[in-house]
Amino acid sequence: MWRTQIGDRILDGAEAILFAKALSSLLNEAIMGTLEDYKFYIESFDNLTFGQRISVLAIIGNGLLRKDVPLVRLTAILEGAIAAVFNHIENEIGYDIDTPESRSNWRELVVAARNQIGGEIEEIPEPTCTDMDKWKVEVEILSDVILFDTDYEDSKLYIDFPPEKSEDLREQMDIPDDYFMAIADDLTGEEAEAQIKELKKLCNSIIKPS
C-alpha cells in the first residue's frame, strides 16, 4: 500500500500494467548488468549501489502493486526510485520514437493509464505521436498522482542547514525527520538475484495475468 496524491492505495488496471512493465524492464537492465551504471539524474537513486537499487525497487514494487503489503513509510530514496521508474518510461518512449522498428507499446500503455486516471482536462496524444515533449508531460502527470512533490531531490538543502533551521524547515514542509536519513539495504549478489526473481514474477502476473 502506498500513500499517493489521491489516497492510500495500490495501482490497478492500466496504471499498474504500465508501472509493472517499467519495473520489469529495469530488472532486465539488472539481469544484463547495465542497471548499476544507468544514470537517471535523480541523485537519491543514482548514488545507490546495485544492491541498494534492487532493494528499493523491491520495496516500491511490492508497496505499489501488492494488496497484502502494509502502508510504506515514505523516504527520499523510495520516492526517488519511483521517479526513476518514470524516468525510464520516458527513456523507452524516446527510444521508440527514434527507432520505429522497435514496435514497442510504451506509448499505448501511457495513453491507457492516462485515460484511466482522467484525461478530460488535457488532450492526450495518439499513440502514434512523435512529439517527445508531449509524452514527457503525460508521464509527469502519471508520476504526479503517486508522488506528492519532488522533496526527494532536496536532501542537500536540508542537510546543509544548521540542525535547528533544518528541523524548522522540515516542519513547515511536513517532511518526516527521517525522510532524508533513511538508508537502503545493500543486498548481496545472492539476495539481489532472489529479489529480482520475485519481482519479475510479480510484474509478469500484472502484465500478463493468468
N, C-alpha and C. Protein backbone atom coordinates (compact mmCIF):
# COMPACT_ATOMS: atom_id res chain seq x y z
N MET A 1 0.85 -1.19 0.00
CA MET A 1 0.00 0.00 0.00
C MET A 1 0.89 1.25 0.00
N TRP A 2 0.44 2.27 -0.72
CA TRP A 2 1.28 3.46 -0.86
C TRP A 2 0.45 4.72 -0.62
N ARG A 3 1.06 5.71 0.04
CA ARG A 3 0.40 7.00 0.24
C ARG A 3 0.66 7.86 -0.98
N THR A 4 -0.39 8.13 -1.76
CA THR A 4 -0.24 8.88 -3.00
C THR A 4 -1.06 10.16 -2.95
N GLN A 5 -0.97 10.92 -4.02
CA GLN A 5 -1.72 12.18 -4.12
C GLN A 5 -3.22 11.97 -4.02
N ILE A 6 -3.69 10.79 -4.43
CA ILE A 6 -5.13 10.55 -4.43
C ILE A 6 -5.53 9.48 -3.42
N GLY A 7 -4.74 9.38 -2.34
CA GLY A 7 -5.11 8.50 -1.24
C GLY A 7 -4.19 7.31 -1.09
N ASP A 8 -4.38 6.57 0.02
CA ASP A 8 -3.61 5.36 0.27
C ASP A 8 -4.17 4.24 -0.61
N ARG A 9 -3.33 3.67 -1.44
CA ARG A 9 -3.84 2.72 -2.43
C ARG A 9 -2.71 1.91 -3.03
N ILE A 10 -3.08 0.93 -3.87
CA ILE A 10 -2.13 0.29 -4.77
C ILE A 10 -2.56 0.65 -6.19
N LEU A 11 -1.67 0.51 -7.12
CA LEU A 11 -2.01 0.77 -8.51
C LEU A 11 -2.84 -0.39 -9.05
N ASP A 12 -3.74 -0.08 -9.97
CA ASP A 12 -4.52 -1.14 -10.60
C ASP A 12 -4.75 -0.81 -12.07
N GLY A 13 -5.32 -1.77 -12.79
CA GLY A 13 -5.65 -1.55 -14.19
C GLY A 13 -4.46 -1.14 -15.04
N ALA A 14 -4.70 -0.22 -15.96
CA ALA A 14 -3.68 0.22 -16.91
C ALA A 14 -2.51 0.90 -16.20
N GLU A 15 -2.81 1.59 -15.10
CA GLU A 15 -1.74 2.26 -14.35
C GLU A 15 -0.77 1.24 -13.79
N ALA A 16 -1.29 0.14 -13.25
CA ALA A 16 -0.45 -0.91 -12.70
C ALA A 16 0.35 -1.61 -13.80
N ILE A 17 -0.29 -1.86 -14.94
CA ILE A 17 0.39 -2.54 -16.04
C ILE A 17 1.59 -1.71 -16.53
N LEU A 18 1.39 -0.41 -16.69
CA LEU A 18 2.49 0.46 -17.13
C LEU A 18 3.64 0.43 -16.13
N PHE A 19 3.32 0.58 -14.84
CA PHE A 19 4.37 0.62 -13.83
C PHE A 19 5.08 -0.73 -13.76
N ALA A 20 4.31 -1.82 -13.82
CA ALA A 20 4.91 -3.16 -13.73
C ALA A 20 5.83 -3.42 -14.92
N LYS A 21 5.41 -2.97 -16.11
CA LYS A 21 6.27 -3.17 -17.28
C LYS A 21 7.56 -2.37 -17.15
N ALA A 22 7.45 -1.14 -16.66
CA ALA A 22 8.65 -0.31 -16.49
C ALA A 22 9.59 -0.91 -15.45
N LEU A 23 9.02 -1.40 -14.35
CA LEU A 23 9.84 -2.02 -13.31
C LEU A 23 10.49 -3.29 -13.85
N SER A 24 9.73 -4.10 -14.57
CA SER A 24 10.28 -5.31 -15.16
C SER A 24 11.41 -4.99 -16.14
N SER A 25 11.24 -3.92 -16.90
CA SER A 25 12.27 -3.50 -17.85
C SER A 25 13.55 -3.10 -17.13
N LEU A 26 13.42 -2.42 -15.99
CA LEU A 26 14.60 -2.07 -15.20
C LEU A 26 15.28 -3.32 -14.63
N LEU A 27 14.47 -4.31 -14.27
CA LEU A 27 15.03 -5.55 -13.77
C LEU A 27 15.79 -6.28 -14.89
N ASN A 28 15.32 -6.14 -16.13
CA ASN A 28 16.07 -6.69 -17.25
C ASN A 28 17.43 -6.01 -17.37
N GLU A 29 17.46 -4.70 -17.11
CA GLU A 29 18.74 -3.98 -17.10
C GLU A 29 19.66 -4.57 -16.04
N ALA A 30 19.09 -4.93 -14.89
CA ALA A 30 19.88 -5.54 -13.82
C ALA A 30 20.43 -6.89 -14.25
N ILE A 31 19.58 -7.69 -14.89
CA ILE A 31 19.99 -9.01 -15.34
C ILE A 31 21.10 -8.90 -16.39
N MET A 32 21.01 -7.88 -17.25
CA MET A 32 22.03 -7.69 -18.30
C MET A 32 23.29 -7.01 -17.78
N GLY A 33 23.25 -6.55 -16.53
CA GLY A 33 24.43 -5.93 -15.93
C GLY A 33 24.59 -4.46 -16.24
N THR A 34 23.50 -3.81 -16.69
CA THR A 34 23.60 -2.39 -17.07
C THR A 34 22.89 -1.46 -16.09
N LEU A 35 22.22 -2.01 -15.09
CA LEU A 35 21.47 -1.14 -14.17
C LEU A 35 22.38 -0.30 -13.30
N GLU A 36 23.49 -0.87 -12.86
CA GLU A 36 24.37 -0.15 -11.93
C GLU A 36 24.90 1.15 -12.51
N ASP A 37 25.14 1.18 -13.83
CA ASP A 37 25.69 2.36 -14.47
C ASP A 37 24.63 3.22 -15.16
N TYR A 38 23.38 2.86 -15.02
CA TYR A 38 22.26 3.58 -15.64
C TYR A 38 22.06 4.89 -14.87
N LYS A 39 22.24 6.03 -15.54
CA LYS A 39 22.08 7.33 -14.90
C LYS A 39 20.66 7.85 -15.10
N PHE A 40 19.98 8.13 -14.00
CA PHE A 40 18.62 8.65 -14.05
C PHE A 40 18.57 10.15 -13.78
N TYR A 41 19.71 10.71 -13.34
CA TYR A 41 19.80 12.12 -12.97
C TYR A 41 18.84 12.45 -11.82
N ILE A 42 18.72 11.45 -10.94
CA ILE A 42 17.98 11.59 -9.69
C ILE A 42 18.95 11.16 -8.60
N GLU A 43 19.51 12.13 -7.89
CA GLU A 43 20.65 11.87 -7.01
C GLU A 43 20.35 10.80 -5.97
N SER A 44 19.14 10.83 -5.40
CA SER A 44 18.83 9.88 -4.33
C SER A 44 18.82 8.44 -4.83
N PHE A 45 18.64 8.24 -6.15
CA PHE A 45 18.70 6.89 -6.71
C PHE A 45 20.05 6.62 -7.36
N ASP A 46 20.60 7.59 -8.07
CA ASP A 46 21.87 7.39 -8.76
C ASP A 46 23.01 7.07 -7.79
N ASN A 47 22.93 7.57 -6.57
CA ASN A 47 24.00 7.36 -5.60
C ASN A 47 23.97 5.98 -4.95
N LEU A 48 22.94 5.20 -5.23
CA LEU A 48 22.81 3.88 -4.61
C LEU A 48 23.70 2.85 -5.31
N THR A 49 24.14 1.86 -4.54
CA THR A 49 24.85 0.72 -5.12
C THR A 49 23.85 -0.17 -5.86
N PHE A 50 24.36 -1.14 -6.58
CA PHE A 50 23.47 -2.08 -7.28
C PHE A 50 22.54 -2.78 -6.29
N GLY A 51 23.11 -3.28 -5.18
CA GLY A 51 22.31 -3.98 -4.19
C GLY A 51 21.25 -3.08 -3.58
N GLN A 52 21.58 -1.81 -3.35
CA GLN A 52 20.60 -0.87 -2.81
C GLN A 52 19.51 -0.56 -3.83
N ARG A 53 19.87 -0.45 -5.09
CA ARG A 53 18.87 -0.18 -6.13
C ARG A 53 17.83 -1.30 -6.19
N ILE A 54 18.30 -2.53 -6.15
CA ILE A 54 17.36 -3.66 -6.17
C ILE A 54 16.50 -3.65 -4.91
N SER A 55 17.10 -3.32 -3.79
CA SER A 55 16.36 -3.28 -2.52
C SER A 55 15.21 -2.28 -2.58
N VAL A 56 15.48 -1.06 -3.05
CA VAL A 56 14.41 -0.05 -3.07
C VAL A 56 13.40 -0.34 -4.18
N LEU A 57 13.84 -0.91 -5.30
CA LEU A 57 12.90 -1.29 -6.34
C LEU A 57 11.94 -2.36 -5.83
N ALA A 58 12.45 -3.25 -4.99
CA ALA A 58 11.59 -4.27 -4.39
C ALA A 58 10.56 -3.65 -3.46
N ILE A 59 10.97 -2.67 -2.69
CA ILE A 59 10.04 -2.02 -1.75
C ILE A 59 8.95 -1.28 -2.50
N ILE A 60 9.33 -0.50 -3.51
CA ILE A 60 8.30 0.26 -4.22
C ILE A 60 7.42 -0.65 -5.07
N GLY A 61 8.01 -1.70 -5.63
CA GLY A 61 7.22 -2.63 -6.43
C GLY A 61 6.17 -3.34 -5.61
N ASN A 62 6.57 -3.85 -4.47
CA ASN A 62 5.63 -4.54 -3.58
C ASN A 62 4.63 -3.57 -2.98
N GLY A 63 5.10 -2.37 -2.61
CA GLY A 63 4.21 -1.40 -1.99
C GLY A 63 3.15 -0.86 -2.93
N LEU A 64 3.49 -0.73 -4.21
CA LEU A 64 2.56 -0.16 -5.17
C LEU A 64 1.71 -1.20 -5.90
N LEU A 65 2.12 -2.47 -5.85
CA LEU A 65 1.45 -3.47 -6.67
C LEU A 65 0.81 -4.62 -5.89
N ARG A 66 1.10 -4.74 -4.58
CA ARG A 66 0.55 -5.86 -3.82
C ARG A 66 -0.41 -5.39 -2.73
N LYS A 67 -1.56 -6.03 -2.68
CA LYS A 67 -2.58 -5.65 -1.70
C LYS A 67 -2.19 -6.02 -0.28
N ASP A 68 -1.36 -7.02 -0.10
CA ASP A 68 -1.08 -7.54 1.23
C ASP A 68 0.10 -6.85 1.92
N VAL A 69 0.62 -5.78 1.32
CA VAL A 69 1.76 -5.06 1.91
C VAL A 69 1.25 -3.86 2.70
N PRO A 70 1.65 -3.74 3.99
CA PRO A 70 1.21 -2.59 4.79
C PRO A 70 1.69 -1.27 4.19
N LEU A 71 1.06 -0.19 4.61
CA LEU A 71 1.41 1.14 4.12
C LEU A 71 2.90 1.41 4.33
N VAL A 72 3.59 1.77 3.26
CA VAL A 72 5.03 2.01 3.31
C VAL A 72 5.31 3.44 3.75
N ARG A 73 6.29 3.60 4.64
CA ARG A 73 6.69 4.94 5.08
C ARG A 73 7.53 5.60 4.00
N LEU A 74 7.16 6.80 3.61
CA LEU A 74 7.84 7.48 2.51
C LEU A 74 9.21 8.01 2.94
N THR A 75 10.20 7.81 2.08
CA THR A 75 11.54 8.36 2.28
C THR A 75 12.06 8.88 0.94
N ALA A 76 13.13 9.65 0.99
CA ALA A 76 13.69 10.22 -0.24
C ALA A 76 14.16 9.13 -1.20
N ILE A 77 14.79 8.08 -0.67
CA ILE A 77 15.30 7.05 -1.57
C ILE A 77 14.17 6.27 -2.23
N LEU A 78 13.06 6.09 -1.54
CA LEU A 78 11.94 5.37 -2.14
C LEU A 78 11.22 6.22 -3.18
N GLU A 79 10.97 7.49 -2.85
CA GLU A 79 10.30 8.35 -3.82
C GLU A 79 11.22 8.64 -5.02
N GLY A 80 12.52 8.70 -4.76
CA GLY A 80 13.46 8.86 -5.87
C GLY A 80 13.45 7.64 -6.78
N ALA A 81 13.25 6.46 -6.20
CA ALA A 81 13.18 5.23 -7.01
C ALA A 81 11.94 5.23 -7.89
N ILE A 82 10.82 5.71 -7.36
CA ILE A 82 9.60 5.82 -8.17
C ILE A 82 9.83 6.79 -9.32
N ALA A 83 10.45 7.92 -9.03
CA ALA A 83 10.76 8.89 -10.08
C ALA A 83 11.67 8.26 -11.13
N ALA A 84 12.60 7.40 -10.70
CA ALA A 84 13.49 6.73 -11.65
C ALA A 84 12.73 5.81 -12.59
N VAL A 85 11.70 5.13 -12.07
CA VAL A 85 10.88 4.26 -12.92
C VAL A 85 10.20 5.08 -14.01
N PHE A 86 9.66 6.24 -13.65
CA PHE A 86 9.01 7.08 -14.65
C PHE A 86 10.02 7.71 -15.61
N ASN A 87 11.21 8.01 -15.10
CA ASN A 87 12.29 8.47 -15.97
C ASN A 87 12.60 7.42 -17.03
N HIS A 88 12.58 6.16 -16.60
CA HIS A 88 12.86 5.05 -17.52
C HIS A 88 11.77 4.95 -18.59
N ILE A 89 10.52 5.17 -18.20
CA ILE A 89 9.43 5.16 -19.18
C ILE A 89 9.69 6.22 -20.25
N GLU A 90 10.08 7.42 -19.83
CA GLU A 90 10.39 8.48 -20.79
C GLU A 90 11.51 8.05 -21.74
N ASN A 91 12.55 7.43 -21.17
CA ASN A 91 13.67 6.99 -21.99
C ASN A 91 13.23 5.95 -23.02
N GLU A 92 12.36 5.04 -22.60
CA GLU A 92 11.90 3.99 -23.51
C GLU A 92 11.03 4.58 -24.62
N ILE A 93 10.19 5.55 -24.28
CA ILE A 93 9.38 6.20 -25.32
C ILE A 93 10.28 6.93 -26.31
N GLY A 94 11.29 7.62 -25.80
CA GLY A 94 12.23 8.31 -26.68
C GLY A 94 12.93 7.34 -27.62
N TYR A 95 13.29 6.17 -27.09
CA TYR A 95 13.93 5.16 -27.94
C TYR A 95 12.97 4.68 -29.02
N ASP A 96 11.71 4.47 -28.63
CA ASP A 96 10.70 4.01 -29.60
C ASP A 96 10.51 5.02 -30.73
N ILE A 97 10.48 6.30 -30.36
CA ILE A 97 10.29 7.34 -31.37
C ILE A 97 11.48 7.38 -32.33
N ASP A 98 12.68 7.23 -31.77
CA ASP A 98 13.89 7.27 -32.60
C ASP A 98 14.11 5.98 -33.37
N THR A 99 13.47 4.90 -32.90
CA THR A 99 13.69 3.58 -33.52
C THR A 99 12.33 2.93 -33.79
N PRO A 100 11.63 3.38 -34.82
CA PRO A 100 10.27 2.89 -35.10
C PRO A 100 10.19 1.37 -35.24
N GLU A 101 11.28 0.75 -35.69
CA GLU A 101 11.26 -0.69 -35.89
C GLU A 101 11.19 -1.48 -34.58
N SER A 102 11.36 -0.80 -33.46
CA SER A 102 11.29 -1.49 -32.16
C SER A 102 9.90 -2.06 -31.89
N ARG A 103 8.87 -1.42 -32.47
CA ARG A 103 7.49 -1.90 -32.35
C ARG A 103 7.08 -2.16 -30.90
N SER A 104 7.48 -1.28 -30.01
CA SER A 104 7.10 -1.40 -28.61
C SER A 104 5.74 -0.73 -28.37
N ASN A 105 5.13 -1.01 -27.21
CA ASN A 105 3.80 -0.44 -26.94
C ASN A 105 3.81 0.53 -25.76
N TRP A 106 4.95 1.16 -25.47
CA TRP A 106 5.04 2.08 -24.34
C TRP A 106 4.04 3.22 -24.46
N ARG A 107 3.92 3.79 -25.63
CA ARG A 107 3.01 4.92 -25.78
C ARG A 107 1.55 4.50 -25.61
N GLU A 108 1.22 3.31 -26.09
CA GLU A 108 -0.14 2.80 -25.90
C GLU A 108 -0.45 2.61 -24.42
N LEU A 109 0.55 2.12 -23.67
CA LEU A 109 0.36 1.90 -22.24
C LEU A 109 0.19 3.22 -21.49
N VAL A 110 0.94 4.23 -21.89
CA VAL A 110 0.80 5.55 -21.26
C VAL A 110 -0.58 6.13 -21.54
N VAL A 111 -1.04 6.01 -22.77
CA VAL A 111 -2.37 6.51 -23.12
C VAL A 111 -3.44 5.81 -22.30
N ALA A 112 -3.33 4.49 -22.17
CA ALA A 112 -4.32 3.73 -21.39
C ALA A 112 -4.31 4.16 -19.92
N ALA A 113 -3.12 4.36 -19.36
CA ALA A 113 -3.03 4.78 -17.96
C ALA A 113 -3.58 6.19 -17.77
N ARG A 114 -3.29 7.07 -18.71
CA ARG A 114 -3.80 8.45 -18.62
C ARG A 114 -5.32 8.48 -18.74
N ASN A 115 -5.87 7.67 -19.62
CA ASN A 115 -7.32 7.60 -19.73
C ASN A 115 -7.95 7.08 -18.43
N GLN A 116 -7.25 6.18 -17.77
CA GLN A 116 -7.77 5.61 -16.53
C GLN A 116 -7.85 6.65 -15.42
N ILE A 117 -6.80 7.48 -15.30
CA ILE A 117 -6.79 8.45 -14.19
C ILE A 117 -7.54 9.72 -14.54
N GLY A 118 -7.95 9.85 -15.81
CA GLY A 118 -8.73 11.02 -16.20
C GLY A 118 -7.99 11.88 -17.18
N GLY A 119 -8.45 11.91 -18.41
CA GLY A 119 -7.79 12.69 -19.44
C GLY A 119 -8.66 13.78 -20.02
N GLU A 120 -9.71 14.16 -19.27
CA GLU A 120 -10.65 15.11 -19.85
C GLU A 120 -10.12 16.55 -19.85
N ILE A 121 -9.15 16.85 -19.01
CA ILE A 121 -8.65 18.23 -18.92
C ILE A 121 -7.70 18.54 -20.07
N GLU A 122 -6.72 17.67 -20.26
CA GLU A 122 -5.78 17.88 -21.34
C GLU A 122 -6.07 16.88 -22.46
N GLU A 123 -5.66 17.23 -23.66
CA GLU A 123 -5.82 16.33 -24.79
C GLU A 123 -4.67 15.32 -24.78
N ILE A 124 -4.99 14.06 -24.60
CA ILE A 124 -3.97 13.02 -24.56
C ILE A 124 -3.55 12.71 -26.00
N PRO A 125 -2.25 12.65 -26.28
CA PRO A 125 -1.81 12.40 -27.66
C PRO A 125 -2.16 10.99 -28.12
N GLU A 126 -2.21 10.82 -29.42
CA GLU A 126 -2.41 9.49 -30.00
C GLU A 126 -1.11 8.69 -29.83
N PRO A 127 -1.22 7.36 -29.76
CA PRO A 127 0.00 6.54 -29.61
C PRO A 127 1.02 6.72 -30.72
N THR A 128 0.57 7.23 -31.86
CA THR A 128 1.49 7.46 -32.98
C THR A 128 2.24 8.79 -32.88
N CYS A 129 1.90 9.61 -31.91
CA CYS A 129 2.54 10.92 -31.74
C CYS A 129 4.04 10.75 -31.53
N THR A 130 4.84 11.58 -32.18
CA THR A 130 6.31 11.51 -32.04
C THR A 130 6.88 12.75 -31.38
N ASP A 131 6.03 13.55 -30.75
CA ASP A 131 6.47 14.75 -30.05
C ASP A 131 6.86 14.36 -28.62
N MET A 132 8.17 14.26 -28.37
CA MET A 132 8.64 13.79 -27.07
C MET A 132 8.23 14.72 -25.94
N ASP A 133 8.15 16.01 -26.21
CA ASP A 133 7.74 16.95 -25.17
C ASP A 133 6.34 16.63 -24.65
N LYS A 134 5.46 16.22 -25.55
CA LYS A 134 4.10 15.86 -25.13
C LYS A 134 4.10 14.61 -24.26
N TRP A 135 4.95 13.66 -24.61
CA TRP A 135 5.00 12.43 -23.81
C TRP A 135 5.60 12.68 -22.43
N LYS A 136 6.54 13.59 -22.35
CA LYS A 136 7.11 13.94 -21.04
C LYS A 136 6.03 14.51 -20.13
N VAL A 137 5.14 15.31 -20.69
CA VAL A 137 4.03 15.87 -19.91
C VAL A 137 3.12 14.75 -19.42
N GLU A 138 2.79 13.80 -20.29
CA GLU A 138 1.90 12.70 -19.92
C GLU A 138 2.51 11.83 -18.82
N VAL A 139 3.79 11.53 -18.96
CA VAL A 139 4.46 10.70 -17.95
C VAL A 139 4.55 11.45 -16.62
N GLU A 140 4.79 12.75 -16.68
CA GLU A 140 4.85 13.55 -15.45
C GLU A 140 3.49 13.56 -14.75
N ILE A 141 2.41 13.64 -15.50
CA ILE A 141 1.07 13.60 -14.90
C ILE A 141 0.87 12.28 -14.17
N LEU A 142 1.29 11.18 -14.78
CA LEU A 142 1.14 9.86 -14.15
C LEU A 142 2.01 9.75 -12.91
N SER A 143 3.19 10.32 -12.97
CA SER A 143 4.08 10.32 -11.80
C SER A 143 3.49 11.16 -10.67
N ASP A 144 2.89 12.28 -11.02
CA ASP A 144 2.38 13.21 -10.01
C ASP A 144 1.20 12.67 -9.21
N VAL A 145 0.46 11.70 -9.75
CA VAL A 145 -0.64 11.14 -8.96
C VAL A 145 -0.14 10.14 -7.93
N ILE A 146 1.15 9.80 -8.01
CA ILE A 146 1.76 8.93 -7.00
C ILE A 146 2.62 9.77 -6.05
N LEU A 147 3.51 10.57 -6.60
CA LEU A 147 4.42 11.37 -5.78
C LEU A 147 3.76 12.69 -5.39
N PHE A 148 3.96 13.09 -4.14
CA PHE A 148 3.38 14.34 -3.67
C PHE A 148 4.12 15.55 -4.24
N ASP A 149 5.42 15.42 -4.38
CA ASP A 149 6.25 16.53 -4.84
C ASP A 149 7.62 15.98 -5.18
N THR A 150 8.62 16.86 -5.25
CA THR A 150 9.98 16.42 -5.56
C THR A 150 10.92 16.65 -4.37
N ASP A 151 10.41 16.46 -3.16
CA ASP A 151 11.26 16.61 -1.97
C ASP A 151 12.48 15.70 -2.02
N TYR A 152 12.36 14.56 -2.68
CA TYR A 152 13.46 13.60 -2.75
C TYR A 152 14.70 14.21 -3.41
N GLU A 153 14.53 15.32 -4.13
CA GLU A 153 15.67 15.97 -4.80
C GLU A 153 16.34 17.02 -3.92
N ASP A 154 15.80 17.27 -2.73
CA ASP A 154 16.24 18.41 -1.92
C ASP A 154 17.06 18.05 -0.70
N SER A 155 17.67 16.88 -0.69
CA SER A 155 18.38 16.44 0.52
C SER A 155 19.48 17.42 0.93
N LYS A 156 20.24 17.95 -0.04
CA LYS A 156 21.34 18.86 0.30
C LYS A 156 20.82 20.14 0.93
N LEU A 157 19.66 20.59 0.48
CA LEU A 157 19.07 21.81 1.03
C LEU A 157 18.85 21.67 2.53
N TYR A 158 18.35 20.52 2.96
CA TYR A 158 18.04 20.33 4.37
C TYR A 158 19.28 19.94 5.18
N ILE A 159 20.14 19.14 4.59
CA ILE A 159 21.31 18.66 5.31
C ILE A 159 22.32 19.78 5.53
N ASP A 160 22.42 20.72 4.59
CA ASP A 160 23.41 21.79 4.69
C ASP A 160 23.03 22.86 5.71
N PHE A 161 21.75 22.94 6.08
CA PHE A 161 21.32 23.91 7.08
C PHE A 161 21.74 23.46 8.48
N PRO A 162 21.90 24.42 9.42
CA PRO A 162 22.11 24.03 10.82
C PRO A 162 20.92 23.18 11.28
N PRO A 163 21.12 22.26 12.23
CA PRO A 163 20.06 21.34 12.66
C PRO A 163 18.74 22.02 13.02
N GLU A 164 18.82 23.16 13.74
CA GLU A 164 17.59 23.83 14.16
C GLU A 164 16.81 24.36 12.96
N LYS A 165 17.52 24.97 12.03
CA LYS A 165 16.84 25.52 10.84
C LYS A 165 16.30 24.40 9.97
N SER A 166 17.08 23.32 9.85
CA SER A 166 16.63 22.19 9.06
C SER A 166 15.36 21.59 9.64
N GLU A 167 15.31 21.49 10.97
CA GLU A 167 14.12 20.94 11.63
C GLU A 167 12.91 21.85 11.41
N ASP A 168 13.12 23.15 11.53
CA ASP A 168 12.01 24.11 11.32
C ASP A 168 11.49 24.00 9.88
N LEU A 169 12.41 23.89 8.93
CA LEU A 169 12.01 23.83 7.53
C LEU A 169 11.24 22.54 7.25
N ARG A 170 11.71 21.43 7.83
CA ARG A 170 11.00 20.16 7.63
C ARG A 170 9.59 20.22 8.21
N GLU A 171 9.46 20.87 9.35
CA GLU A 171 8.14 21.01 9.96
C GLU A 171 7.22 21.85 9.07
N GLN A 172 7.75 22.92 8.52
CA GLN A 172 6.95 23.78 7.64
C GLN A 172 6.50 23.01 6.39
N MET A 173 7.38 22.14 5.89
CA MET A 173 7.08 21.41 4.66
C MET A 173 6.45 20.05 4.94
N ASP A 174 6.21 19.75 6.22
CA ASP A 174 5.59 18.48 6.63
C ASP A 174 6.41 17.29 6.14
N ILE A 175 7.71 17.36 6.36
CA ILE A 175 8.62 16.29 5.96
C ILE A 175 9.08 15.54 7.20
N PRO A 176 8.91 14.22 7.29
CA PRO A 176 9.33 13.45 8.47
C PRO A 176 10.82 13.61 8.75
N ASP A 177 11.19 13.51 10.02
CA ASP A 177 12.58 13.71 10.42
C ASP A 177 13.54 12.76 9.71
N ASP A 178 13.09 11.52 9.45
CA ASP A 178 13.98 10.53 8.86
C ASP A 178 13.85 10.43 7.34
N TYR A 179 13.13 11.36 6.74
CA TYR A 179 12.86 11.26 5.30
C TYR A 179 14.16 11.21 4.48
N PHE A 180 15.12 12.06 4.81
CA PHE A 180 16.38 12.11 4.07
C PHE A 180 17.45 11.20 4.67
N MET A 181 17.23 10.69 5.87
CA MET A 181 18.26 9.94 6.57
C MET A 181 18.16 8.43 6.36
N ALA A 182 17.04 7.96 5.83
CA ALA A 182 16.86 6.52 5.63
C ALA A 182 17.92 5.97 4.68
N ILE A 183 18.43 4.80 5.00
CA ILE A 183 19.48 4.16 4.20
C ILE A 183 18.94 2.84 3.65
N ALA A 184 19.14 2.61 2.38
CA ALA A 184 18.65 1.38 1.75
C ALA A 184 19.55 0.20 2.11
N ASP A 185 18.93 -0.96 2.28
CA ASP A 185 19.71 -2.18 2.49
C ASP A 185 20.56 -2.45 1.25
N ASP A 186 21.81 -2.82 1.47
CA ASP A 186 22.70 -3.14 0.36
C ASP A 186 22.73 -4.66 0.20
N LEU A 187 21.91 -5.18 -0.70
CA LEU A 187 21.77 -6.62 -0.84
C LEU A 187 23.03 -7.25 -1.40
N THR A 188 23.31 -8.45 -0.97
CA THR A 188 24.39 -9.22 -1.57
C THR A 188 23.96 -9.66 -2.96
N GLY A 189 24.90 -10.18 -3.73
CA GLY A 189 24.56 -10.65 -5.06
C GLY A 189 23.49 -11.72 -5.04
N GLU A 190 23.57 -12.63 -4.11
CA GLU A 190 22.58 -13.70 -4.00
C GLU A 190 21.22 -13.15 -3.59
N GLU A 191 21.22 -12.23 -2.63
CA GLU A 191 19.96 -11.62 -2.20
C GLU A 191 19.31 -10.81 -3.33
N ALA A 192 20.14 -10.07 -4.06
CA ALA A 192 19.62 -9.27 -5.18
C ALA A 192 19.02 -10.18 -6.24
N GLU A 193 19.68 -11.27 -6.53
CA GLU A 193 19.18 -12.22 -7.54
C GLU A 193 17.82 -12.78 -7.13
N ALA A 194 17.68 -13.10 -5.84
CA ALA A 194 16.40 -13.63 -5.35
C ALA A 194 15.30 -12.57 -5.45
N GLN A 195 15.61 -11.32 -5.11
CA GLN A 195 14.63 -10.24 -5.19
C GLN A 195 14.22 -10.00 -6.64
N ILE A 196 15.18 -10.02 -7.54
CA ILE A 196 14.88 -9.82 -8.95
C ILE A 196 13.92 -10.89 -9.44
N LYS A 197 14.16 -12.12 -9.06
CA LYS A 197 13.31 -13.23 -9.47
C LYS A 197 11.88 -13.04 -8.98
N GLU A 198 11.74 -12.66 -7.70
CA GLU A 198 10.40 -12.47 -7.12
C GLU A 198 9.69 -11.27 -7.74
N LEU A 199 10.43 -10.20 -7.97
CA LEU A 199 9.83 -9.00 -8.57
C LEU A 199 9.39 -9.25 -10.01
N LYS A 200 10.21 -9.98 -10.76
CA LYS A 200 9.84 -10.31 -12.13
C LYS A 200 8.54 -11.12 -12.14
N LYS A 201 8.43 -12.04 -11.19
CA LYS A 201 7.22 -12.85 -11.10
C LYS A 201 6.00 -11.98 -10.81
N LEU A 202 6.15 -11.03 -9.87
CA LEU A 202 5.07 -10.11 -9.54
C LEU A 202 4.69 -9.27 -10.76
N CYS A 203 5.68 -8.69 -11.41
CA CYS A 203 5.41 -7.85 -12.58
C CYS A 203 4.71 -8.63 -13.69
N ASN A 204 5.19 -9.84 -13.95
CA ASN A 204 4.60 -10.65 -15.01
C ASN A 204 3.15 -11.02 -14.70
N SER A 205 2.85 -11.19 -13.42
CA SER A 205 1.47 -11.54 -13.04
C SER A 205 0.51 -10.39 -13.33
N ILE A 206 1.05 -9.18 -13.39
CA ILE A 206 0.23 -7.99 -13.68
C ILE A 206 0.19 -7.69 -15.17
N ILE A 207 1.35 -7.83 -15.81
CA ILE A 207 1.44 -7.55 -17.24
C ILE A 207 0.68 -8.61 -18.04
N LYS A 208 0.84 -9.87 -17.64
CA LYS A 208 0.20 -10.99 -18.33
C LYS A 208 -0.54 -11.86 -17.32
N PRO A 209 -1.67 -11.39 -16.81
CA PRO A 209 -2.40 -12.18 -15.80
C PRO A 209 -2.86 -13.51 -16.36
N SER A 210 -2.85 -14.53 -15.49
CA SER A 210 -3.24 -15.87 -15.93
C SER A 210 -4.76 -15.96 -16.12
